[in-house]
Amino acid sequence: MIRDYIRRLLWLVIGMVVSSVGITMMLQANIGLEPWSVLQQGMAQSLGISYGTASMIVGAAAILAAVLCGESFGFGTILNIILCAVFIDGLLWLDWIPLIHSLPSGILMLLGGLELLVLGTWMYMKSALGAGPRDALMVALARKTGRSVGLCRVSVEIIVIIVGFLLGGQVGIGTVISAVGLGSLFNINFHLLHFRAAELHQENVAETLRCLRQGRKEP
């Protein structure tokens, strides 16, 4: 039991690293960001904080809103909020990924970043230790309003883009590419990986603690 959780935790952490590299590539592509990154970049510039800190604030706010709507969360959700912020700030500080200044190269960098984001998401979702905070919010809103998850996602992301843009976040062709292409990338990758995200139960904190307690009691 404990060994299984260690394996799942490794999947989670590796997924966070891969996702963070993807997000950093999207930032450095310099042609416009996906919706949540627009908001987080705008907050970082307006408040004088790092992008990672803004990401942590937004993630915490998203999961708080989800909890208020009746949704639970797991240890993976908490680690998602913390680790992605730390990894992204670390990558930006190390400056290993160059800032792009041409549109063709920027598009290639953005597409590479989107693909890594999708693969990283698959890895941490595979751990089944809790959905990401923004995903949890979409599910919570869908249950609360009786609308589809897709409609809730589109509605929230439009608001997020507008607020982020007003705060100084970068909106451009990359934002359009992300909005149109990210869903298709998820579908293609999950199909190729034979991964059915909707059928995988994500453990909440109480379930994980209960399983760990039971594992300790086993001979």
N, C-alpha and C. Protein backbone atom coordinates (compact mmCIF):
# COMPACT_ATOMS: atom_id res chain seq x y z
N MET A 1 0.83 -1.22 0.00
CA MET A 1 0.00 0.00 0.00
C MET A 1 0.86 1.27 0.00
N ILE A 2 1.84 1.34 0.94
CA ILE A 2 2.71 2.51 1.02
C ILE A 2 3.53 2.63 -0.25
N ARG A 3 4.01 1.48 -0.74
CA ARG A 3 4.82 1.49 -1.97
C ARG A 3 4.00 2.01 -3.15
N ASP A 4 2.73 1.65 -3.19
CA ASP A 4 1.85 2.11 -4.26
C ASP A 4 1.69 3.63 -4.20
N TYR A 5 1.56 4.16 -2.99
CA TYR A 5 1.41 5.62 -2.85
C TYR A 5 2.70 6.35 -3.22
N ILE A 6 3.84 5.74 -2.93
CA ILE A 6 5.11 6.36 -3.32
C ILE A 6 5.20 6.43 -4.85
N ARG A 7 4.80 5.34 -5.52
CA ARG A 7 4.80 5.32 -6.98
C ARG A 7 3.87 6.39 -7.54
N ARG A 8 2.67 6.52 -6.96
CA ARG A 8 1.71 7.51 -7.42
C ARG A 8 2.21 8.93 -7.16
N LEU A 9 2.89 9.10 -6.03
CA LEU A 9 3.43 10.42 -5.72
C LEU A 9 4.52 10.82 -6.71
N LEU A 10 5.32 9.84 -7.15
CA LEU A 10 6.34 10.11 -8.16
C LEU A 10 5.70 10.55 -9.47
N TRP A 11 4.63 9.86 -9.88
CA TRP A 11 3.90 10.27 -11.08
C TRP A 11 3.41 11.71 -10.94
N LEU A 12 2.90 12.04 -9.77
CA LEU A 12 2.37 13.38 -9.51
C LEU A 12 3.47 14.44 -9.66
N VAL A 13 4.60 14.21 -8.99
CA VAL A 13 5.68 15.20 -8.99
C VAL A 13 6.27 15.35 -10.39
N ILE A 14 6.49 14.22 -11.09
CA ILE A 14 7.01 14.30 -12.45
C ILE A 14 6.03 15.06 -13.35
N GLY A 15 4.75 14.81 -13.16
CA GLY A 15 3.73 15.54 -13.92
C GLY A 15 3.77 17.03 -13.66
N MET A 16 4.01 17.40 -12.41
CA MET A 16 4.12 18.82 -12.07
C MET A 16 5.33 19.46 -12.75
N VAL A 17 6.44 18.73 -12.79
CA VAL A 17 7.65 19.25 -13.44
C VAL A 17 7.40 19.46 -14.93
N VAL A 18 6.83 18.43 -15.58
CA VAL A 18 6.58 18.51 -17.02
C VAL A 18 5.59 19.64 -17.33
N SER A 19 4.52 19.74 -16.55
CA SER A 19 3.54 20.82 -16.75
C SER A 19 4.18 22.19 -16.58
N SER A 20 5.05 22.31 -15.58
CA SER A 20 5.71 23.60 -15.32
C SER A 20 6.64 24.00 -16.45
N VAL A 21 7.34 23.02 -17.03
CA VAL A 21 8.18 23.32 -18.20
C VAL A 21 7.31 23.81 -19.35
N GLY A 22 6.16 23.14 -19.54
CA GLY A 22 5.25 23.54 -20.60
C GLY A 22 4.72 24.95 -20.41
N ILE A 23 4.32 25.28 -19.19
CA ILE A 23 3.79 26.62 -18.92
C ILE A 23 4.88 27.67 -19.10
N THR A 24 6.09 27.37 -18.67
CA THR A 24 7.20 28.31 -18.84
C THR A 24 7.49 28.54 -20.32
N MET A 25 7.44 27.48 -21.12
CA MET A 25 7.62 27.63 -22.57
C MET A 25 6.54 28.53 -23.16
N MET A 26 5.31 28.38 -22.69
CA MET A 26 4.22 29.22 -23.19
C MET A 26 4.43 30.68 -22.81
N LEU A 27 4.94 30.92 -21.60
CA LEU A 27 5.25 32.29 -21.18
C LEU A 27 6.35 32.89 -22.06
N GLN A 28 7.39 32.09 -22.30
CA GLN A 28 8.53 32.58 -23.06
C GLN A 28 8.27 32.65 -24.56
N ALA A 29 7.19 32.01 -25.03
CA ALA A 29 6.84 32.10 -26.45
C ALA A 29 6.50 33.53 -26.84
N ASN A 30 5.95 34.29 -25.87
CA ASN A 30 5.78 35.74 -26.04
C ASN A 30 4.80 36.12 -27.15
N ILE A 31 3.77 35.28 -27.36
CA ILE A 31 2.78 35.60 -28.41
C ILE A 31 1.35 35.56 -27.86
N GLY A 32 1.20 35.58 -26.55
CA GLY A 32 -0.12 35.48 -25.95
C GLY A 32 -0.25 34.19 -25.18
N LEU A 33 -0.99 34.22 -24.09
CA LEU A 33 -1.04 33.10 -23.16
C LEU A 33 -2.41 32.45 -23.10
N GLU A 34 -2.44 31.22 -22.59
CA GLU A 34 -3.73 30.58 -22.35
C GLU A 34 -4.44 31.34 -21.22
N PRO A 35 -5.78 31.21 -21.11
CA PRO A 35 -6.57 32.08 -20.24
C PRO A 35 -6.06 32.26 -18.81
N TRP A 36 -5.81 31.16 -18.11
CA TRP A 36 -5.40 31.30 -16.70
C TRP A 36 -4.03 31.96 -16.59
N SER A 37 -3.17 31.71 -17.55
CA SER A 37 -1.84 32.34 -17.53
C SER A 37 -1.93 33.84 -17.78
N VAL A 38 -2.92 34.26 -18.60
CA VAL A 38 -3.15 35.70 -18.81
C VAL A 38 -3.47 36.36 -17.47
N LEU A 39 -4.35 35.75 -16.71
CA LEU A 39 -4.73 36.29 -15.41
C LEU A 39 -3.53 36.32 -14.47
N GLN A 40 -2.80 35.22 -14.41
CA GLN A 40 -1.69 35.13 -13.47
C GLN A 40 -0.55 36.08 -13.84
N GLN A 41 -0.29 36.24 -15.13
CA GLN A 41 0.73 37.20 -15.55
C GLN A 41 0.29 38.63 -15.23
N GLY A 42 -0.99 38.91 -15.48
CA GLY A 42 -1.52 40.24 -15.15
C GLY A 42 -1.43 40.54 -13.67
N MET A 43 -1.77 39.56 -12.83
CA MET A 43 -1.65 39.74 -11.37
C MET A 43 -0.21 39.97 -10.96
N ALA A 44 0.70 39.19 -11.55
CA ALA A 44 2.12 39.32 -11.21
C ALA A 44 2.62 40.73 -11.51
N GLN A 45 2.24 41.27 -12.68
CA GLN A 45 2.69 42.59 -13.06
C GLN A 45 2.03 43.69 -12.22
N SER A 46 0.75 43.52 -11.94
CA SER A 46 0.03 44.56 -11.19
C SER A 46 0.41 44.59 -9.72
N LEU A 47 0.65 43.42 -9.14
CA LEU A 47 0.92 43.34 -7.71
C LEU A 47 2.41 43.31 -7.39
N GLY A 48 3.26 43.21 -8.42
CA GLY A 48 4.70 43.16 -8.19
C GLY A 48 5.15 41.87 -7.53
N ILE A 49 4.51 40.77 -7.91
CA ILE A 49 4.87 39.46 -7.35
C ILE A 49 5.34 38.57 -8.51
N SER A 50 5.87 37.41 -8.16
CA SER A 50 6.32 36.49 -9.20
C SER A 50 5.12 35.80 -9.84
N TYR A 51 5.35 35.25 -11.03
CA TYR A 51 4.29 34.51 -11.72
C TYR A 51 3.86 33.31 -10.87
N GLY A 52 4.83 32.62 -10.28
CA GLY A 52 4.51 31.46 -9.46
C GLY A 52 3.64 31.82 -8.27
N THR A 53 3.94 32.95 -7.62
CA THR A 53 3.12 33.39 -6.49
C THR A 53 1.70 33.69 -6.94
N ALA A 54 1.57 34.36 -8.09
CA ALA A 54 0.24 34.64 -8.63
C ALA A 54 -0.49 33.34 -8.94
N SER A 55 0.23 32.35 -9.49
CA SER A 55 -0.36 31.05 -9.79
C SER A 55 -0.85 30.37 -8.53
N MET A 56 -0.08 30.49 -7.45
CA MET A 56 -0.46 29.89 -6.18
C MET A 56 -1.73 30.55 -5.61
N ILE A 57 -1.80 31.87 -5.72
CA ILE A 57 -2.97 32.61 -5.23
C ILE A 57 -4.22 32.21 -6.01
N VAL A 58 -4.10 32.16 -7.34
CA VAL A 58 -5.24 31.79 -8.18
C VAL A 58 -5.66 30.36 -7.91
N GLY A 59 -4.69 29.44 -7.79
CA GLY A 59 -5.01 28.05 -7.51
C GLY A 59 -5.72 27.89 -6.17
N ALA A 60 -5.23 28.60 -5.15
CA ALA A 60 -5.86 28.52 -3.83
C ALA A 60 -7.28 29.09 -3.87
N ALA A 61 -7.46 30.19 -4.60
CA ALA A 61 -8.79 30.79 -4.71
C ALA A 61 -9.74 29.85 -5.46
N ALA A 62 -9.23 29.18 -6.49
CA ALA A 62 -10.05 28.26 -7.27
C ALA A 62 -10.52 27.09 -6.41
N ILE A 63 -9.62 26.52 -5.62
CA ILE A 63 -10.01 25.36 -4.81
C ILE A 63 -10.91 25.78 -3.66
N LEU A 64 -10.71 26.99 -3.14
CA LEU A 64 -11.60 27.50 -2.10
C LEU A 64 -13.02 27.66 -2.64
N ALA A 65 -13.12 28.22 -3.84
CA ALA A 65 -14.44 28.37 -4.48
C ALA A 65 -15.07 27.00 -4.73
N ALA A 66 -14.26 26.03 -5.15
CA ALA A 66 -14.77 24.68 -5.41
C ALA A 66 -15.29 24.05 -4.12
N VAL A 67 -14.56 24.23 -3.03
CA VAL A 67 -14.98 23.68 -1.73
C VAL A 67 -16.29 24.32 -1.28
N LEU A 68 -16.41 25.63 -1.47
CA LEU A 68 -17.65 26.33 -1.10
C LEU A 68 -18.84 25.84 -1.92
N CYS A 69 -18.54 25.31 -3.12
CA CYS A 69 -19.59 24.74 -3.99
C CYS A 69 -19.83 23.26 -3.69
N GLY A 70 -19.10 22.73 -2.70
CA GLY A 70 -19.34 21.35 -2.30
C GLY A 70 -18.38 20.32 -2.87
N GLU A 71 -17.34 20.76 -3.56
CA GLU A 71 -16.39 19.83 -4.16
C GLU A 71 -15.27 19.52 -3.17
N SER A 72 -14.78 18.28 -3.15
CA SER A 72 -13.66 17.91 -2.30
C SER A 72 -12.35 18.04 -3.07
N PHE A 73 -11.23 17.88 -2.38
CA PHE A 73 -9.93 17.96 -3.04
C PHE A 73 -8.98 16.97 -2.38
N GLY A 74 -7.90 16.67 -3.09
CA GLY A 74 -6.95 15.69 -2.59
C GLY A 74 -5.59 16.30 -2.30
N PHE A 75 -4.68 15.45 -1.80
CA PHE A 75 -3.33 15.92 -1.54
C PHE A 75 -2.66 16.37 -2.84
N GLY A 76 -3.01 15.72 -3.95
CA GLY A 76 -2.46 16.11 -5.23
C GLY A 76 -2.86 17.52 -5.62
N THR A 77 -4.07 17.92 -5.24
CA THR A 77 -4.55 19.28 -5.52
C THR A 77 -3.68 20.31 -4.80
N ILE A 78 -3.38 20.01 -3.54
CA ILE A 78 -2.55 20.92 -2.73
C ILE A 78 -1.14 21.01 -3.31
N LEU A 79 -0.57 19.84 -3.64
CA LEU A 79 0.77 19.82 -4.21
C LEU A 79 0.81 20.52 -5.56
N ASN A 80 -0.28 20.39 -6.33
CA ASN A 80 -0.38 21.08 -7.62
C ASN A 80 -0.21 22.58 -7.43
N ILE A 81 -0.93 23.13 -6.47
CA ILE A 81 -0.88 24.57 -6.22
C ILE A 81 0.53 25.02 -5.83
N ILE A 82 1.19 24.24 -4.97
CA ILE A 82 2.49 24.65 -4.44
C ILE A 82 3.63 24.36 -5.42
N LEU A 83 3.70 23.11 -5.90
CA LEU A 83 4.85 22.70 -6.71
C LEU A 83 4.94 23.42 -8.04
N CYS A 84 3.80 23.56 -8.73
CA CYS A 84 3.84 24.27 -10.02
C CYS A 84 4.38 25.68 -9.84
N ALA A 85 3.94 26.36 -8.79
CA ALA A 85 4.41 27.73 -8.54
C ALA A 85 5.91 27.76 -8.33
N VAL A 86 6.41 26.83 -7.51
CA VAL A 86 7.85 26.78 -7.22
C VAL A 86 8.65 26.43 -8.47
N PHE A 87 8.19 25.42 -9.21
CA PHE A 87 8.93 24.98 -10.40
C PHE A 87 8.95 26.07 -11.48
N ILE A 88 7.82 26.74 -11.71
CA ILE A 88 7.77 27.78 -12.75
C ILE A 88 8.68 28.94 -12.39
N ASP A 89 8.61 29.41 -11.14
CA ASP A 89 9.49 30.50 -10.72
C ASP A 89 10.96 30.09 -10.83
N GLY A 90 11.24 28.83 -10.48
CA GLY A 90 12.62 28.35 -10.58
C GLY A 90 13.11 28.33 -12.01
N LEU A 91 12.27 27.87 -12.93
CA LEU A 91 12.66 27.82 -14.34
C LEU A 91 12.85 29.23 -14.92
N LEU A 92 11.98 30.16 -14.53
CA LEU A 92 12.13 31.54 -15.00
C LEU A 92 13.41 32.17 -14.46
N TRP A 93 13.72 31.86 -13.20
CA TRP A 93 14.94 32.40 -12.58
C TRP A 93 16.19 31.82 -13.24
N LEU A 94 16.17 30.52 -13.54
CA LEU A 94 17.32 29.88 -14.17
C LEU A 94 17.53 30.36 -15.61
N ASP A 95 16.43 30.81 -16.24
CA ASP A 95 16.48 31.36 -17.60
C ASP A 95 17.02 30.34 -18.61
N TRP A 96 16.64 29.07 -18.42
CA TRP A 96 17.06 28.03 -19.36
C TRP A 96 16.26 28.08 -20.66
N ILE A 97 15.03 28.60 -20.56
CA ILE A 97 14.16 28.66 -21.75
C ILE A 97 14.16 30.11 -22.23
N PRO A 98 14.69 30.37 -23.42
CA PRO A 98 14.86 31.76 -23.88
C PRO A 98 13.53 32.43 -24.23
N LEU A 99 13.51 33.74 -24.11
CA LEU A 99 12.35 34.52 -24.53
C LEU A 99 12.40 34.66 -26.05
N ILE A 100 11.30 34.32 -26.71
CA ILE A 100 11.23 34.32 -28.17
C ILE A 100 10.76 35.69 -28.68
N HIS A 101 11.34 36.12 -29.81
CA HIS A 101 11.00 37.45 -30.35
C HIS A 101 10.47 37.40 -31.77
N SER A 102 10.22 36.20 -32.31
CA SER A 102 9.66 36.10 -33.66
C SER A 102 8.40 35.25 -33.61
N LEU A 103 7.44 35.57 -34.47
CA LEU A 103 6.15 34.88 -34.45
C LEU A 103 6.26 33.39 -34.78
N PRO A 104 6.94 32.99 -35.87
CA PRO A 104 7.02 31.55 -36.17
C PRO A 104 7.64 30.73 -35.03
N SER A 105 8.76 31.23 -34.48
CA SER A 105 9.41 30.52 -33.37
C SER A 105 8.52 30.53 -32.14
N GLY A 106 7.82 31.65 -31.93
CA GLY A 106 6.91 31.74 -30.79
C GLY A 106 5.78 30.73 -30.88
N ILE A 107 5.24 30.54 -32.08
CA ILE A 107 4.16 29.56 -32.27
C ILE A 107 4.67 28.15 -31.99
N LEU A 108 5.87 27.84 -32.49
CA LEU A 108 6.46 26.52 -32.24
C LEU A 108 6.70 26.30 -30.75
N MET A 109 7.21 27.32 -30.07
CA MET A 109 7.44 27.23 -28.63
C MET A 109 6.13 27.04 -27.88
N LEU A 110 5.11 27.78 -28.28
CA LEU A 110 3.80 27.67 -27.64
C LEU A 110 3.22 26.27 -27.81
N LEU A 111 3.27 25.74 -29.03
CA LEU A 111 2.73 24.41 -29.31
C LEU A 111 3.47 23.34 -28.50
N GLY A 112 4.79 23.49 -28.40
CA GLY A 112 5.57 22.56 -27.58
C GLY A 112 5.18 22.65 -26.11
N GLY A 113 4.95 23.89 -25.65
CA GLY A 113 4.53 24.08 -24.27
C GLY A 113 3.15 23.49 -23.99
N LEU A 114 2.24 23.65 -24.93
CA LEU A 114 0.90 23.08 -24.78
C LEU A 114 0.95 21.56 -24.69
N GLU A 115 1.78 20.95 -25.54
CA GLU A 115 1.91 19.49 -25.53
C GLU A 115 2.48 19.00 -24.20
N LEU A 116 3.49 19.69 -23.68
CA LEU A 116 4.06 19.30 -22.39
C LEU A 116 3.05 19.50 -21.26
N LEU A 117 2.26 20.55 -21.35
CA LEU A 117 1.22 20.79 -20.35
C LEU A 117 0.23 19.63 -20.34
N VAL A 118 -0.15 19.17 -21.52
CA VAL A 118 -1.10 18.05 -21.63
C VAL A 118 -0.48 16.77 -21.06
N LEU A 119 0.77 16.48 -21.43
CA LEU A 119 1.43 15.28 -20.92
C LEU A 119 1.62 15.34 -19.41
N GLY A 120 1.98 16.50 -18.90
CA GLY A 120 2.13 16.66 -17.46
C GLY A 120 0.81 16.47 -16.73
N THR A 121 -0.26 16.99 -17.33
CA THR A 121 -1.59 16.82 -16.74
C THR A 121 -1.98 15.34 -16.71
N TRP A 122 -1.67 14.61 -17.79
CA TRP A 122 -1.93 13.18 -17.81
C TRP A 122 -1.20 12.47 -16.68
N MET A 123 0.05 12.84 -16.46
CA MET A 123 0.85 12.19 -15.42
C MET A 123 0.27 12.42 -14.03
N TYR A 124 -0.07 13.67 -13.71
CA TYR A 124 -0.56 13.90 -12.35
C TYR A 124 -2.00 13.43 -12.19
N MET A 125 -2.79 13.42 -13.26
CA MET A 125 -4.14 12.86 -13.17
C MET A 125 -4.07 11.34 -12.98
N LYS A 126 -3.07 10.70 -13.62
CA LYS A 126 -2.88 9.26 -13.50
C LYS A 126 -2.59 8.85 -12.06
N SER A 127 -1.99 9.74 -11.28
CA SER A 127 -1.71 9.44 -9.88
C SER A 127 -2.98 9.31 -9.06
N ALA A 128 -4.08 9.92 -9.53
CA ALA A 128 -5.40 9.84 -8.87
C ALA A 128 -5.37 10.35 -7.43
N LEU A 129 -4.52 11.33 -7.17
CA LEU A 129 -4.43 11.90 -5.82
C LEU A 129 -5.15 13.23 -5.70
N GLY A 130 -6.01 13.54 -6.67
CA GLY A 130 -6.77 14.78 -6.60
C GLY A 130 -6.66 15.57 -7.88
N ALA A 131 -7.77 16.13 -8.32
CA ALA A 131 -7.78 16.94 -9.55
C ALA A 131 -7.07 18.27 -9.32
N GLY A 132 -6.64 18.90 -10.42
CA GLY A 132 -6.07 20.23 -10.32
C GLY A 132 -7.11 21.22 -9.83
N PRO A 133 -6.70 22.31 -9.18
CA PRO A 133 -7.66 23.25 -8.59
C PRO A 133 -8.63 23.86 -9.60
N ARG A 134 -8.15 24.19 -10.79
CA ARG A 134 -9.03 24.80 -11.79
C ARG A 134 -10.02 23.78 -12.35
N ASP A 135 -9.57 22.53 -12.52
CA ASP A 135 -10.48 21.48 -12.97
C ASP A 135 -11.56 21.21 -11.92
N ALA A 136 -11.15 21.20 -10.66
CA ALA A 136 -12.11 20.98 -9.58
C ALA A 136 -13.17 22.09 -9.56
N LEU A 137 -12.74 23.32 -9.84
CA LEU A 137 -13.68 24.43 -9.87
C LEU A 137 -14.69 24.26 -10.99
N MET A 138 -14.23 23.83 -12.17
CA MET A 138 -15.15 23.65 -13.30
C MET A 138 -16.20 22.59 -12.99
N VAL A 139 -15.77 21.49 -12.38
CA VAL A 139 -16.70 20.42 -12.01
C VAL A 139 -17.70 20.92 -10.96
N ALA A 140 -17.19 21.67 -9.99
CA ALA A 140 -18.06 22.19 -8.93
C ALA A 140 -19.11 23.15 -9.49
N LEU A 141 -18.69 24.03 -10.41
CA LEU A 141 -19.64 24.97 -11.01
C LEU A 141 -20.69 24.25 -11.86
N ALA A 142 -20.24 23.20 -12.56
CA ALA A 142 -21.18 22.43 -13.39
C ALA A 142 -22.24 21.77 -12.51
N ARG A 143 -21.82 21.21 -11.39
CA ARG A 143 -22.77 20.56 -10.48
C ARG A 143 -23.70 21.58 -9.83
N LYS A 144 -23.15 22.72 -9.50
CA LYS A 144 -23.93 23.76 -8.80
C LYS A 144 -24.96 24.40 -9.72
N THR A 145 -24.59 24.63 -10.98
CA THR A 145 -25.47 25.34 -11.91
C THR A 145 -26.32 24.42 -12.77
N GLY A 146 -25.93 23.15 -12.84
CA GLY A 146 -26.64 22.22 -13.71
C GLY A 146 -26.26 22.36 -15.17
N ARG A 147 -25.25 23.15 -15.47
CA ARG A 147 -24.76 23.33 -16.84
C ARG A 147 -23.61 22.36 -17.11
N SER A 148 -23.23 22.25 -18.38
CA SER A 148 -22.14 21.35 -18.74
C SER A 148 -20.80 21.92 -18.26
N VAL A 149 -19.83 20.99 -18.07
CA VAL A 149 -18.49 21.42 -17.68
C VAL A 149 -17.89 22.32 -18.76
N GLY A 150 -18.14 21.98 -20.04
CA GLY A 150 -17.61 22.77 -21.14
C GLY A 150 -18.11 24.20 -21.13
N LEU A 151 -19.42 24.37 -20.89
CA LEU A 151 -20.00 25.71 -20.84
C LEU A 151 -19.43 26.50 -19.66
N CYS A 152 -19.31 25.84 -18.51
CA CYS A 152 -18.74 26.51 -17.34
C CYS A 152 -17.30 26.92 -17.59
N ARG A 153 -16.54 26.04 -18.25
CA ARG A 153 -15.13 26.35 -18.55
C ARG A 153 -15.02 27.56 -19.47
N VAL A 154 -15.80 27.56 -20.54
CA VAL A 154 -15.76 28.68 -21.50
C VAL A 154 -16.14 29.99 -20.81
N SER A 155 -17.20 29.94 -20.02
CA SER A 155 -17.68 31.16 -19.33
C SER A 155 -16.63 31.71 -18.39
N VAL A 156 -16.05 30.82 -17.59
CA VAL A 156 -15.04 31.26 -16.62
C VAL A 156 -13.80 31.77 -17.34
N GLU A 157 -13.38 31.08 -18.39
CA GLU A 157 -12.15 31.47 -19.07
C GLU A 157 -12.30 32.81 -19.80
N ILE A 158 -13.49 33.12 -20.29
CA ILE A 158 -13.72 34.43 -20.89
C ILE A 158 -13.53 35.52 -19.84
N ILE A 159 -14.11 35.31 -18.66
CA ILE A 159 -13.96 36.27 -17.57
C ILE A 159 -12.50 36.40 -17.17
N VAL A 160 -11.82 35.25 -17.06
CA VAL A 160 -10.41 35.22 -16.67
C VAL A 160 -9.55 36.00 -17.67
N ILE A 161 -9.80 35.82 -18.96
CA ILE A 161 -9.03 36.54 -19.99
C ILE A 161 -9.26 38.05 -19.87
N ILE A 162 -10.52 38.46 -19.70
CA ILE A 162 -10.82 39.89 -19.62
C ILE A 162 -10.14 40.52 -18.41
N VAL A 163 -10.27 39.88 -17.25
CA VAL A 163 -9.65 40.42 -16.03
C VAL A 163 -8.14 40.43 -16.17
N GLY A 164 -7.57 39.34 -16.70
CA GLY A 164 -6.12 39.28 -16.88
C GLY A 164 -5.62 40.34 -17.84
N PHE A 165 -6.34 40.56 -18.93
CA PHE A 165 -5.96 41.58 -19.91
C PHE A 165 -5.99 42.97 -19.28
N LEU A 166 -7.02 43.25 -18.49
CA LEU A 166 -7.13 44.55 -17.82
C LEU A 166 -6.00 44.77 -16.82
N LEU A 167 -5.48 43.66 -16.27
CA LEU A 167 -4.37 43.76 -15.32
C LEU A 167 -3.01 43.81 -16.01
N GLY A 168 -3.00 43.63 -17.33
CA GLY A 168 -1.75 43.71 -18.08
C GLY A 168 -1.24 42.38 -18.61
N GLY A 169 -2.04 41.32 -18.49
CA GLY A 169 -1.64 40.03 -19.03
C GLY A 169 -1.61 40.05 -20.54
N GLN A 170 -0.76 39.21 -21.12
CA GLN A 170 -0.55 39.22 -22.57
C GLN A 170 -1.61 38.39 -23.29
N VAL A 171 -2.39 39.05 -24.13
CA VAL A 171 -3.38 38.38 -24.97
C VAL A 171 -2.95 38.55 -26.42
N GLY A 172 -2.95 37.45 -27.17
CA GLY A 172 -2.52 37.52 -28.57
C GLY A 172 -2.92 36.26 -29.31
N ILE A 173 -2.22 36.01 -30.40
CA ILE A 173 -2.55 34.83 -31.20
C ILE A 173 -2.36 33.55 -30.40
N GLY A 174 -1.42 33.58 -29.46
CA GLY A 174 -1.20 32.41 -28.61
C GLY A 174 -2.41 32.09 -27.76
N THR A 175 -3.14 33.12 -27.34
CA THR A 175 -4.36 32.93 -26.55
C THR A 175 -5.41 32.20 -27.38
N VAL A 176 -5.53 32.61 -28.65
CA VAL A 176 -6.50 31.97 -29.56
C VAL A 176 -6.10 30.53 -29.82
N ILE A 177 -4.80 30.30 -30.10
CA ILE A 177 -4.32 28.94 -30.36
C ILE A 177 -4.57 28.05 -29.15
N SER A 178 -4.30 28.57 -27.97
CA SER A 178 -4.50 27.79 -26.74
C SER A 178 -5.97 27.47 -26.51
N ALA A 179 -6.81 28.49 -26.70
CA ALA A 179 -8.24 28.29 -26.46
C ALA A 179 -8.84 27.27 -27.43
N VAL A 180 -8.39 27.32 -28.68
CA VAL A 180 -8.95 26.42 -29.71
C VAL A 180 -8.30 25.04 -29.67
N GLY A 181 -6.97 25.03 -29.45
CA GLY A 181 -6.24 23.78 -29.61
C GLY A 181 -6.04 22.92 -28.38
N LEU A 182 -6.15 23.52 -27.18
CA LEU A 182 -5.82 22.76 -25.97
C LEU A 182 -6.76 21.58 -25.76
N GLY A 183 -8.05 21.80 -25.96
CA GLY A 183 -9.01 20.72 -25.79
C GLY A 183 -8.75 19.57 -26.75
N SER A 184 -8.42 19.91 -28.01
CA SER A 184 -8.12 18.88 -29.01
C SER A 184 -6.86 18.11 -28.65
N LEU A 185 -5.86 18.82 -28.14
CA LEU A 185 -4.62 18.15 -27.72
C LEU A 185 -4.88 17.15 -26.61
N PHE A 186 -5.71 17.55 -25.64
CA PHE A 186 -6.08 16.64 -24.56
C PHE A 186 -6.75 15.40 -25.14
N ASN A 187 -7.72 15.59 -26.03
CA ASN A 187 -8.46 14.46 -26.59
C ASN A 187 -7.54 13.51 -27.36
N ILE A 188 -6.65 14.09 -28.18
CA ILE A 188 -5.74 13.27 -28.99
C ILE A 188 -4.77 12.48 -28.10
N ASN A 189 -4.16 13.18 -27.15
CA ASN A 189 -3.18 12.52 -26.28
C ASN A 189 -3.83 11.46 -25.41
N PHE A 190 -4.97 11.78 -24.82
CA PHE A 190 -5.63 10.80 -23.95
C PHE A 190 -6.08 9.58 -24.75
N HIS A 191 -6.48 9.80 -26.01
CA HIS A 191 -6.87 8.67 -26.85
C HIS A 191 -5.66 7.79 -27.15
N LEU A 192 -4.54 8.40 -27.53
CA LEU A 192 -3.33 7.64 -27.85
C LEU A 192 -2.79 6.91 -26.63
N LEU A 193 -2.97 7.50 -25.46
CA LEU A 193 -2.47 6.90 -24.22
C LEU A 193 -3.50 5.94 -23.58
N HIS A 194 -4.66 5.81 -24.24
CA HIS A 194 -5.75 4.95 -23.73
C HIS A 194 -6.12 5.35 -22.28
N PHE A 195 -6.20 6.65 -22.08
CA PHE A 195 -6.48 7.19 -20.74
C PHE A 195 -7.88 7.79 -20.71
N ARG A 196 -8.73 7.26 -19.85
CA ARG A 196 -10.10 7.74 -19.72
C ARG A 196 -10.23 8.52 -18.42
N ALA A 197 -9.97 9.82 -18.52
CA ALA A 197 -9.93 10.68 -17.33
C ALA A 197 -11.25 10.67 -16.57
N ALA A 198 -12.37 10.65 -17.28
CA ALA A 198 -13.68 10.73 -16.64
C ALA A 198 -13.99 9.48 -15.81
N GLU A 199 -13.34 8.36 -16.14
CA GLU A 199 -13.61 7.11 -15.43
C GLU A 199 -12.69 6.89 -14.24
N LEU A 200 -11.70 7.77 -14.08
CA LEU A 200 -10.71 7.61 -13.01
C LEU A 200 -11.15 8.41 -11.78
N HIS A 201 -11.32 7.71 -10.67
CA HIS A 201 -11.71 8.40 -9.43
C HIS A 201 -10.50 9.08 -8.81
N GLN A 202 -10.64 10.36 -8.51
CA GLN A 202 -9.58 11.12 -7.86
C GLN A 202 -9.82 11.12 -6.35
N GLU A 203 -8.85 10.60 -5.61
CA GLU A 203 -8.99 10.50 -4.15
C GLU A 203 -9.00 11.88 -3.50
N ASN A 204 -9.88 12.05 -2.54
CA ASN A 204 -9.80 13.26 -1.73
C ASN A 204 -8.92 12.99 -0.51
N VAL A 205 -8.66 14.01 0.29
CA VAL A 205 -7.74 13.90 1.42
C VAL A 205 -8.19 12.82 2.40
N ALA A 206 -9.47 12.79 2.72
CA ALA A 206 -9.99 11.82 3.69
C ALA A 206 -9.78 10.39 3.20
N GLU A 207 -10.01 10.15 1.91
CA GLU A 207 -9.85 8.80 1.36
C GLU A 207 -8.39 8.37 1.39
N THR A 208 -7.48 9.27 1.07
CA THR A 208 -6.06 8.94 1.09
C THR A 208 -5.60 8.60 2.51
N LEU A 209 -6.00 9.41 3.48
CA LEU A 209 -5.62 9.15 4.87
C LEU A 209 -6.18 7.82 5.35
N ARG A 210 -7.41 7.51 4.98
CA ARG A 210 -8.03 6.24 5.38
C ARG A 210 -7.27 5.06 4.79
N CYS A 211 -6.91 5.16 3.52
CA CYS A 211 -6.17 4.08 2.86
C CYS A 211 -4.79 3.89 3.49
N LEU A 212 -4.13 4.99 3.83
CA LEU A 212 -2.81 4.90 4.45
C LEU A 212 -2.90 4.28 5.83
N ARG A 213 -3.93 4.62 6.59
CA ARG A 213 -4.11 4.02 7.92
C ARG A 213 -4.36 2.52 7.81
N GLN A 214 -5.17 2.12 6.84
CA GLN A 214 -5.44 0.71 6.63
C GLN A 214 -4.19 -0.03 6.18
N GLY A 215 -3.37 0.63 5.38
CA GLY A 215 -2.14 0.02 4.91
C GLY A 215 -1.17 -0.25 6.05
N ARG A 216 -1.12 0.64 7.03
CA ARG A 216 -0.23 0.45 8.18
C ARG A 216 -0.68 -0.73 9.04
N LYS A 217 -1.99 -0.97 9.07
CA LYS A 217 -2.53 -2.04 9.92
C LYS A 217 -2.33 -3.41 9.31
N GLU A 218 -2.12 -3.43 7.96
CA GLU A 218 -1.95 -4.72 7.31
C GLU A 218 -0.60 -5.33 7.66
N PRO A 219 -0.53 -6.67 7.87
CA PRO A 219 0.75 -7.32 8.24
C PRO A 219 1.75 -7.28 7.10
